[in-house]
């Protein structure tokens, strides 16, 4: 029964209360207009999720500045003229009772140069990104107030659009994570070197954002449990818990725990990788990479796939041990993302006290009515972790590309009728 399950108990996140504890995490949707405005296609995507009973939806990356746009057809919150479209998303989610949190991000060095109009990537330091191939320019100290302003102004736009909160993305090797991590931050000024210096920009972003949005708007943070950068100077769970503690003091209401940078490989989407690299090269973002990368992914697909299957196998709740550490030491709710797909695994994670809530990405791509199906026990389309959605991420509208699961999803949505 739903009433006996912790998944359907309310959870307070600062000034807001979610009606349950299974959240939709941020995923690249690739459904905005080419210039970053909310489209009908994007609104429809959120309508299905909200109608499916999802208590809290975190948007895909909203870029805070054109310089931080990481993918094609990515939605933006960088200019005031985006606010009206963002309001359509908020109104749609609220119509079905869902809370909406906008994920704010700047990609920094994690971008394919020229693909999204970013011809000069920037970062904490000029450290080459080996997966995408970008060599960023080190941000000057006089440019950093502009980064702070970009995040805070985007948060205000989301608040004015009727969002319930925003999530500042400081994980996955994006710009703010690049400042936190010694491997990518080799600066010699007040924003590099010591723990406090590397934290300085993120602290300023959080503090200024809280100041501008006020106390009645939820402010979440996405943070790695571990950078997973072996042989490089990455952050580990103790470092990240210390960062979280400092940022909670600046006004953060909840922490979502994930893992890894792009150059870590695919620990953040552990699953199956059969045919993944060829799909990435032919239909995904790989088609915009240089010839050597496309060749390698296409012709060594089986080798890379077998290695990836061994390194990052299917596993539910693969970030739980990190989340447990955060929960033990923080006073705010902890949300754990990481391969959750079944009611049993989700309930166990909460009941043992490892996390306060779980968030899912691929499970919602396969089944927008995931929460309704968890509540009723009715079977729905279930993600089998094939990762083909990830392989095509950022080039076409996000969807399930497993033919069997996708057919089940399309049949479900047809039966539900238009939103």
Protein backbone atom coordinates (compact mmCIF):
# COMPACT_ATOMS: atom_id res chain seq x y z
CA UNK A 1 0.00 0.00 0.00
CA UNK A 2 1.22 3.49 -0.83
CA UNK A 3 0.42 4.73 2.69
CA UNK A 4 3.01 2.35 4.21
CA UNK A 5 5.75 3.31 1.78
CA UNK A 6 8.32 6.01 2.52
CA UNK A 7 8.27 6.88 -1.20
CA UNK A 8 5.00 8.72 -0.78
CA UNK A 9 5.72 10.58 2.43
CA UNK A 10 6.11 14.36 2.07
CA UNK A 11 9.56 15.92 2.27
CA UNK A 12 10.33 19.53 3.10
CA UNK A 13 13.10 21.17 1.10
CA UNK A 14 13.54 24.54 2.76
CA UNK A 15 10.47 26.65 1.94
CA UNK A 16 8.70 24.01 -0.20
CA UNK A 17 7.24 20.59 0.44
CA UNK A 18 7.34 17.77 -2.10
CA UNK A 19 4.41 15.35 -1.93
CA UNK A 20 6.67 12.32 -2.26
CA UNK A 21 10.29 11.22 -2.39
CA UNK A 22 10.87 9.98 -5.95
CA UNK A 23 12.09 12.94 -7.99
CA UNK A 24 12.93 13.37 -11.66
CA UNK A 25 16.60 14.31 -11.91
CA UNK A 26 17.98 16.57 -14.62
CA UNK A 27 18.47 15.02 -18.05
CA UNK A 28 19.45 16.63 -21.36
CA UNK A 29 16.11 17.03 -23.13
CA UNK A 30 17.17 18.61 -26.44
CA UNK A 31 13.65 19.92 -26.96
CA UNK A 32 14.03 23.70 -26.69
CA UNK A 33 14.32 25.92 -29.75
CA UNK A 34 17.77 26.27 -31.29
CA UNK A 35 18.17 29.64 -29.56
CA UNK A 36 17.20 28.28 -26.13
CA UNK A 37 13.53 29.17 -25.80
CA UNK A 38 10.89 26.87 -24.34
CA UNK A 39 9.02 25.04 -27.13
CA UNK A 40 5.71 23.18 -27.29
CA UNK A 41 7.73 19.97 -27.51
CA UNK A 42 9.48 20.76 -24.23
CA UNK A 43 6.23 21.69 -22.48
CA UNK A 44 4.66 18.39 -23.58
CA UNK A 45 7.61 16.49 -22.11
CA UNK A 46 7.06 18.11 -18.71
CA UNK A 47 3.29 17.68 -18.92
CA UNK A 48 3.66 13.88 -19.13
CA UNK A 49 6.05 13.81 -16.17
CA UNK A 50 3.80 15.98 -14.03
CA UNK A 51 0.65 14.15 -15.04
CA UNK A 52 2.40 10.90 -14.09
CA UNK A 53 2.43 11.97 -10.45
CA UNK A 54 6.06 13.08 -10.17
CA UNK A 55 6.19 15.19 -6.98
CA UNK A 56 9.28 17.20 -7.91
CA UNK A 57 10.83 17.71 -11.35
CA UNK A 58 14.34 19.07 -11.84
CA UNK A 59 14.75 20.48 -15.33
CA UNK A 60 17.53 19.59 -17.69
CA UNK A 61 20.43 22.04 -17.69
CA UNK A 62 19.34 25.65 -18.13
CA UNK A 63 22.37 27.56 -19.35
CA UNK A 64 23.02 30.76 -17.42
CA UNK A 65 25.12 32.34 -20.18
CA UNK A 66 25.55 31.65 -23.88
CA UNK A 67 29.20 30.85 -23.15
CA UNK A 68 28.01 27.98 -20.95
CA UNK A 69 25.68 26.27 -23.44
CA UNK A 70 26.78 22.66 -23.73
CA UNK A 71 24.35 20.98 -26.13
CA UNK A 72 22.15 21.59 -29.15
CA UNK A 73 18.56 22.72 -28.41
CA UNK A 74 19.39 23.30 -24.74
CA UNK A 75 17.02 25.55 -22.83
CA UNK A 76 18.36 28.79 -21.43
CA UNK A 77 17.66 31.11 -18.50
CA UNK A 78 20.26 33.63 -19.59
CA UNK A 79 18.05 36.50 -20.74
CA UNK A 80 14.83 38.11 -19.55
CA UNK A 81 13.06 37.22 -22.78
CA UNK A 82 13.27 33.54 -21.76
CA UNK A 83 11.07 34.10 -18.68
CA UNK A 84 7.69 33.85 -20.41
CA UNK A 85 8.55 30.44 -21.84
CA UNK A 86 9.89 29.21 -18.52
CA UNK A 87 6.57 30.28 -16.98
CA UNK A 88 4.82 27.86 -19.34
CA UNK A 89 6.87 25.02 -17.84
CA UNK A 90 6.03 26.07 -14.30
CA UNK A 91 2.31 26.46 -15.06
CA UNK A 92 2.21 23.04 -16.73
CA UNK A 93 3.86 21.28 -13.79
CA UNK A 94 1.73 23.08 -11.22
CA UNK A 95 -1.45 22.20 -13.09
CA UNK A 96 -0.77 18.55 -12.21
CA UNK A 97 0.54 19.23 -8.69
CA UNK A 98 4.28 18.86 -9.33
CA UNK A 99 6.97 21.17 -7.94
CA UNK A 100 9.45 22.50 -10.50
CA UNK A 101 13.13 23.19 -9.84
CA UNK A 102 15.35 24.65 -12.57
CA UNK A 103 18.87 23.28 -12.84
CA UNK A 104 21.29 26.14 -13.51
CA UNK A 105 24.54 25.34 -15.24
CA UNK A 106 27.60 26.57 -17.11
CA UNK A 107 29.51 23.89 -19.01
CA UNK A 108 32.93 25.51 -18.78
CA UNK A 109 35.41 23.29 -20.68
CA UNK A 110 33.00 20.37 -21.22
CA UNK A 111 31.81 21.31 -24.68
CA UNK A 112 32.53 20.41 -28.30
CA UNK A 113 34.06 23.62 -29.62
CA UNK A 114 31.83 25.31 -32.18
CA UNK A 115 28.96 22.84 -31.85
CA UNK A 116 26.73 25.09 -29.73
CA UNK A 117 28.24 28.41 -30.73
CA UNK A 118 30.88 28.26 -28.00
CA UNK A 119 34.12 28.94 -29.87
CA UNK A 120 36.22 29.80 -26.82
CA UNK A 121 35.52 27.51 -23.84
CA UNK A 122 36.50 28.85 -20.43
CA UNK A 123 37.44 27.19 -17.18
CA UNK A 124 39.17 27.71 -13.87
CA UNK A 125 42.47 26.91 -15.61
CA UNK A 126 43.63 26.03 -19.10
CA UNK A 127 43.48 22.25 -18.61
CA UNK A 128 42.51 20.29 -21.71
CA UNK A 129 39.32 18.21 -21.53
CA UNK A 130 40.25 14.82 -23.04
CA UNK A 131 36.76 13.53 -23.93
CA UNK A 132 35.41 16.53 -25.82
CA UNK A 133 38.85 17.73 -26.87
CA UNK A 134 38.46 21.33 -25.72
CA UNK A 135 41.40 23.40 -24.48
CA UNK A 136 39.74 26.15 -22.42
CA UNK A 137 40.93 29.65 -21.69
CA UNK A 138 41.47 30.43 -18.02
CA UNK A 139 38.89 32.88 -16.77
CA UNK A 140 40.36 36.19 -15.64
CA UNK A 141 39.61 37.24 -12.08
CA UNK A 142 37.71 40.27 -13.36
CA UNK A 143 35.35 37.92 -15.27
CA UNK A 144 34.30 35.96 -12.19
CA UNK A 145 31.76 38.50 -10.86
CA UNK A 146 30.00 38.04 -14.21
CA UNK A 147 29.76 34.28 -13.58
CA UNK A 148 28.24 34.94 -10.15
CA UNK A 149 25.79 37.40 -11.64
CA UNK A 150 24.82 34.98 -14.43
CA UNK A 151 23.79 32.27 -11.95
CA UNK A 152 21.99 34.65 -9.61
CA UNK A 153 20.15 36.45 -12.43
CA UNK A 154 19.05 33.12 -13.94
CA UNK A 155 17.68 32.08 -10.55
CA UNK A 156 15.67 35.29 -10.35
CA UNK A 157 14.22 34.61 -13.81
CA UNK A 158 13.16 31.14 -12.69
CA UNK A 159 11.58 32.57 -9.55
CA UNK A 160 9.74 35.23 -11.57
CA UNK A 161 8.55 32.48 -13.95
CA UNK A 162 6.88 30.70 -11.04
CA UNK A 163 9.42 27.93 -10.41
CA UNK A 164 9.53 26.53 -6.88
CA UNK A 165 13.31 26.60 -6.73
CA UNK A 166 16.57 26.16 -8.58
CA UNK A 167 19.42 23.70 -8.37
CA UNK A 168 22.96 24.99 -8.78
CA UNK A 169 24.96 22.39 -10.69
CA UNK A 170 28.39 21.98 -9.11
CA UNK A 171 28.89 18.33 -10.13
CA UNK A 172 29.78 16.26 -13.23
CA UNK A 173 32.85 18.31 -14.11
CA UNK A 174 30.97 21.43 -15.23
CA UNK A 175 32.34 24.92 -14.57
CA UNK A 176 31.64 25.19 -10.84
CA UNK A 177 33.02 21.68 -10.32
CA UNK A 178 36.06 22.76 -12.34
CA UNK A 179 36.75 25.45 -9.74
CA UNK A 180 36.29 23.04 -6.83
CA UNK A 181 38.56 20.28 -8.19
CA UNK A 182 42.37 20.65 -7.92
CA UNK A 183 42.90 18.77 -11.20
CA UNK A 184 41.05 21.46 -13.16
CA UNK A 185 41.82 24.42 -10.89
CA UNK A 186 45.51 25.31 -10.97
CA UNK A 187 45.07 29.02 -10.38
CA UNK A 188 47.50 31.09 -8.32
CA UNK A 189 45.04 33.79 -7.26
CA UNK A 190 42.33 33.99 -4.59
CA UNK A 191 40.20 31.45 -6.50
CA UNK A 192 42.76 28.64 -6.60
CA UNK A 193 45.06 26.61 -4.39
CA UNK A 194 43.60 26.07 -0.93
CA UNK A 195 40.23 24.50 -0.13
CA UNK A 196 38.75 27.88 0.76
CA UNK A 197 40.06 29.51 -2.39
CA UNK A 198 38.74 26.77 -4.68
CA UNK A 199 35.39 27.03 -2.91
CA UNK A 200 35.28 30.82 -3.21
CA UNK A 201 33.46 31.12 -6.57
CA UNK A 202 30.81 28.53 -5.69
CA UNK A 203 30.32 30.14 -2.29
CA UNK A 204 29.82 33.50 -4.00
CA UNK A 205 27.34 31.99 -6.48
CA UNK A 206 25.29 30.39 -3.70
CA UNK A 207 25.43 33.43 -1.41
CA UNK A 208 24.47 35.94 -4.10
CA UNK A 209 21.74 33.70 -5.46
CA UNK A 210 20.22 33.32 -2.00
CA UNK A 211 20.43 37.06 -1.43
CA UNK A 212 18.58 37.85 -4.65
CA UNK A 213 15.85 35.18 -4.54
CA UNK A 214 15.11 35.60 -0.83
CA UNK A 215 14.19 32.97 1.78
CA UNK A 216 10.96 31.72 0.19
CA UNK A 217 12.53 30.08 -2.85
CA UNK A 218 14.17 26.67 -2.64
CA UNK A 219 17.88 26.50 -3.38
CA UNK A 220 19.29 23.05 -4.12
CA UNK A 221 22.83 21.97 -4.97
CA UNK A 222 24.08 19.08 -7.12
CA UNK A 223 27.43 17.80 -5.94
CA UNK A 224 29.63 14.79 -6.61
CA UNK A 225 30.15 12.15 -3.98
CA UNK A 226 33.52 11.53 -5.64
CA UNK A 227 35.13 13.02 -8.75
CA UNK A 228 36.47 9.57 -9.70
CA UNK A 229 39.62 10.93 -11.32
CA UNK A 230 42.26 8.29 -10.58
CA UNK A 231 45.88 9.47 -10.95
CA UNK A 232 44.60 13.05 -10.95
CA UNK A 233 43.88 15.44 -8.10
CA UNK A 234 40.15 14.88 -7.76
CA UNK A 235 37.78 15.39 -4.85
CA UNK A 236 36.70 12.48 -2.67
CA UNK A 237 33.69 12.09 -0.42
CA UNK A 238 35.25 13.78 2.63
CA UNK A 239 36.13 16.83 0.51
CA UNK A 240 32.65 17.03 -0.97
CA UNK A 241 30.90 16.64 2.37
CA UNK A 242 33.02 19.53 3.67
CA UNK A 243 32.02 21.60 0.62
CA UNK A 244 28.35 20.77 1.19
CA UNK A 245 28.58 21.78 4.84
CA UNK A 246 30.00 25.18 3.89
CA UNK A 247 27.34 25.79 1.23
CA UNK A 248 24.46 24.77 3.49
CA UNK A 249 25.64 27.60 5.73
CA UNK A 250 25.27 29.91 2.71
CA UNK A 251 21.62 28.95 2.18
CA UNK A 252 21.41 25.59 0.39
CA UNK A 253 18.19 23.70 1.27
CA UNK A 254 19.03 20.22 -0.08
CA UNK A 255 21.89 18.33 -1.73
CA UNK A 256 21.59 15.92 -4.66
CA UNK A 257 24.53 13.49 -4.69
CA UNK A 258 25.95 12.19 -7.97
CA UNK A 259 29.42 11.21 -9.20
CA UNK A 260 32.14 11.86 -11.77
CA UNK A 261 33.38 14.24 -14.47
CA UNK A 262 33.09 13.62 -18.20
CA UNK A 263 36.69 12.43 -18.19
CA UNK A 264 35.77 9.84 -15.53
CA UNK A 265 33.96 7.87 -18.24
CA UNK A 266 30.39 6.82 -17.50
CA UNK A 267 30.13 6.08 -13.76
CA UNK A 268 27.18 8.48 -13.52
CA UNK A 269 25.17 6.33 -15.97
CA UNK A 270 26.30 2.82 -15.04
CA UNK A 271 24.47 0.27 -17.16
CA UNK A 272 24.99 -1.58 -20.43
CA UNK A 273 27.17 -0.30 -23.25
CA UNK A 274 26.60 -2.82 -26.06
CA UNK A 275 26.59 -0.79 -29.29
CA UNK A 276 26.77 2.40 -27.23
CA UNK A 277 29.92 3.94 -28.72
CA UNK A 278 28.92 3.35 -32.34
CA UNK A 279 25.53 4.92 -31.59
CA UNK A 280 27.27 7.88 -29.96
CA UNK A 281 29.52 8.37 -32.99
CA UNK A 282 26.82 7.99 -35.64
CA UNK A 283 23.70 9.49 -34.03
CA UNK A 284 24.90 11.27 -30.90
CA UNK A 285 27.23 14.11 -29.96
CA UNK A 286 30.16 12.07 -31.28
CA UNK A 287 29.25 13.00 -34.84
CA UNK A 288 30.40 16.54 -34.04
CA UNK A 289 33.77 15.42 -32.63
CA UNK A 290 37.00 15.19 -34.59
CA UNK A 291 37.67 12.38 -37.08
CA UNK A 292 39.93 10.37 -34.75
CA UNK A 293 37.34 10.26 -31.98
CA UNK A 294 34.59 9.23 -34.42
CA UNK A 295 36.82 6.54 -35.90
CA UNK A 296 37.77 5.16 -32.48
CA UNK A 297 34.18 4.98 -31.25
CA UNK A 298 32.95 3.36 -34.45
CA UNK A 299 35.65 0.75 -35.00
CA UNK A 300 36.42 -0.08 -31.38
CA UNK A 301 32.79 -0.09 -30.27
CA UNK A 302 32.86 -3.71 -29.07
CA UNK A 303 36.10 -3.30 -27.17
CA UNK A 304 35.01 -0.04 -25.52
CA UNK A 305 31.58 -1.52 -24.80
CA UNK A 306 32.98 -4.65 -23.14
CA UNK A 307 35.35 -2.57 -21.02
CA UNK A 308 32.56 -0.18 -20.02
CA UNK A 309 30.27 -3.07 -19.08
CA UNK A 310 32.96 -4.27 -16.72
CA UNK A 311 33.81 -0.85 -15.26
CA UNK A 312 30.27 0.48 -14.83
CA UNK A 313 27.83 -2.45 -14.60
CA UNK A 314 24.10 -2.24 -13.99
CA UNK A 315 23.48 -1.48 -10.34
CA UNK A 316 20.67 0.30 -8.51
CA UNK A 317 21.62 3.01 -6.06
CA UNK A 318 25.29 3.14 -7.00
CA UNK A 319 25.82 6.47 -5.21
CA UNK A 320 24.20 5.41 -1.94
CA UNK A 321 27.41 5.03 0.04
CA UNK A 322 28.31 8.61 -0.83
CA UNK A 323 24.81 9.83 0.01
CA UNK A 324 24.95 8.06 3.38
CA UNK A 325 28.02 10.11 4.31
CA UNK A 326 26.30 13.38 3.35
CA UNK A 327 23.15 12.48 5.28
CA UNK A 328 25.13 11.60 8.39
CA UNK A 329 26.79 15.01 8.50
CA UNK A 330 24.27 17.49 7.07
CA UNK A 331 21.19 19.11 8.51
CA UNK A 332 19.38 19.40 5.16
CA UNK A 333 17.72 16.66 3.05
CA UNK A 334 19.91 14.51 0.86
CA UNK A 335 18.74 13.24 -2.55
CA UNK A 336 20.53 10.30 -4.16
CA UNK A 337 20.62 9.70 -7.92
CA UNK A 338 22.10 6.58 -9.44
CA UNK A 339 20.31 3.88 -11.40
CA UNK A 340 17.16 3.55 -9.30
CA UNK A 341 14.47 1.64 -11.13
CA UNK A 342 12.44 -0.49 -8.69
CA UNK A 343 10.24 0.26 -5.73
CA UNK A 344 12.11 -2.20 -3.51
CA UNK A 345 15.50 -0.54 -4.05
CA UNK A 346 14.08 2.96 -3.59
CA UNK A 347 12.24 2.07 -0.38
CA UNK A 348 15.26 0.30 1.07
CA UNK A 349 17.51 3.31 0.39
CA UNK A 350 15.21 5.57 2.39
CA UNK A 351 14.31 3.09 5.14
CA UNK A 352 17.94 2.37 6.03
CA UNK A 353 18.62 6.10 6.30
CA UNK A 354 21.09 6.36 3.42
CA UNK A 355 19.10 9.15 1.76
CA UNK A 356 15.94 11.22 2.23
CA UNK A 357 14.79 10.92 -1.39
CA UNK A 358 15.83 9.28 -4.64
CA UNK A 359 16.03 10.85 -8.08
CA UNK A 360 15.84 9.07 -11.42
CA UNK A 361 16.68 9.97 -15.01
CA UNK A 362 16.57 6.97 -17.33
CA UNK A 363 13.66 5.39 -15.44
CA UNK A 364 11.54 8.47 -16.25
CA UNK A 365 12.69 8.52 -19.87
CA UNK A 366 11.30 5.01 -20.21
CA UNK A 367 8.18 5.67 -18.13
CA UNK A 368 6.93 9.23 -17.46
CA UNK A 369 4.27 7.61 -15.25
CA UNK A 370 6.90 5.94 -13.08
CA UNK A 371 5.61 7.42 -9.81
CA UNK A 372 2.01 6.48 -10.57
CA UNK A 373 3.10 2.94 -11.34
CA UNK A 374 5.18 2.76 -8.16
CA UNK A 375 2.14 3.90 -6.21
CA UNK A 376 -0.39 1.54 -7.76
CA UNK A 377 1.83 -1.44 -8.41
CA UNK A 378 0.70 -1.48 -12.04
CA UNK A 379 3.61 -2.45 -14.32
CA UNK A 380 4.87 0.17 -16.73
CA UNK A 381 7.69 0.41 -19.28
CA UNK A 382 10.94 -0.33 -17.44
CA UNK A 383 14.37 0.95 -18.41
CA UNK A 384 16.81 -1.89 -19.08
CA UNK A 385 19.87 0.40 -18.79
CA UNK A 386 20.84 0.02 -22.48
CA UNK A 387 22.07 3.66 -22.36
CA UNK A 388 21.02 4.38 -25.93
CA UNK A 389 19.20 7.45 -24.61
CA UNK A 390 22.55 8.70 -23.36
CA UNK A 391 24.28 7.81 -26.64
CA UNK A 392 21.91 10.13 -28.52
CA UNK A 393 21.79 12.77 -25.79
CA UNK A 394 22.21 16.33 -26.95
CA UNK A 395 21.49 15.78 -30.64
CA UNK A 396 17.81 14.84 -30.80
CA UNK A 397 14.85 14.89 -28.41
CA UNK A 398 15.53 12.67 -25.42
CA UNK A 399 13.65 9.39 -25.60
CA UNK A 400 13.97 5.66 -25.04
CA UNK A 401 15.67 3.95 -27.98
CA UNK A 402 15.24 0.37 -26.86
CA UNK A 403 12.60 -0.77 -29.40
CA UNK A 404 10.68 -2.99 -26.97
CA UNK A 405 10.60 -0.50 -24.10
CA UNK A 406 9.82 2.41 -26.42
CA UNK A 407 6.88 0.54 -27.94
CA UNK A 408 5.50 -0.02 -24.42
CA UNK A 409 5.97 3.67 -23.64
CA UNK A 410 4.20 4.81 -26.80
CA UNK A 411 1.33 2.44 -26.12
CA UNK A 412 1.02 3.83 -22.57
CA UNK A 413 0.99 7.46 -23.68
CA UNK A 414 -1.53 6.74 -26.45
CA UNK A 415 -3.82 5.12 -23.89
CA UNK A 416 -3.51 8.12 -21.54
CA UNK A 417 -4.61 10.55 -24.24
CA UNK A 418 -3.37 14.12 -24.76
CA UNK A 419 -2.35 16.19 -21.74
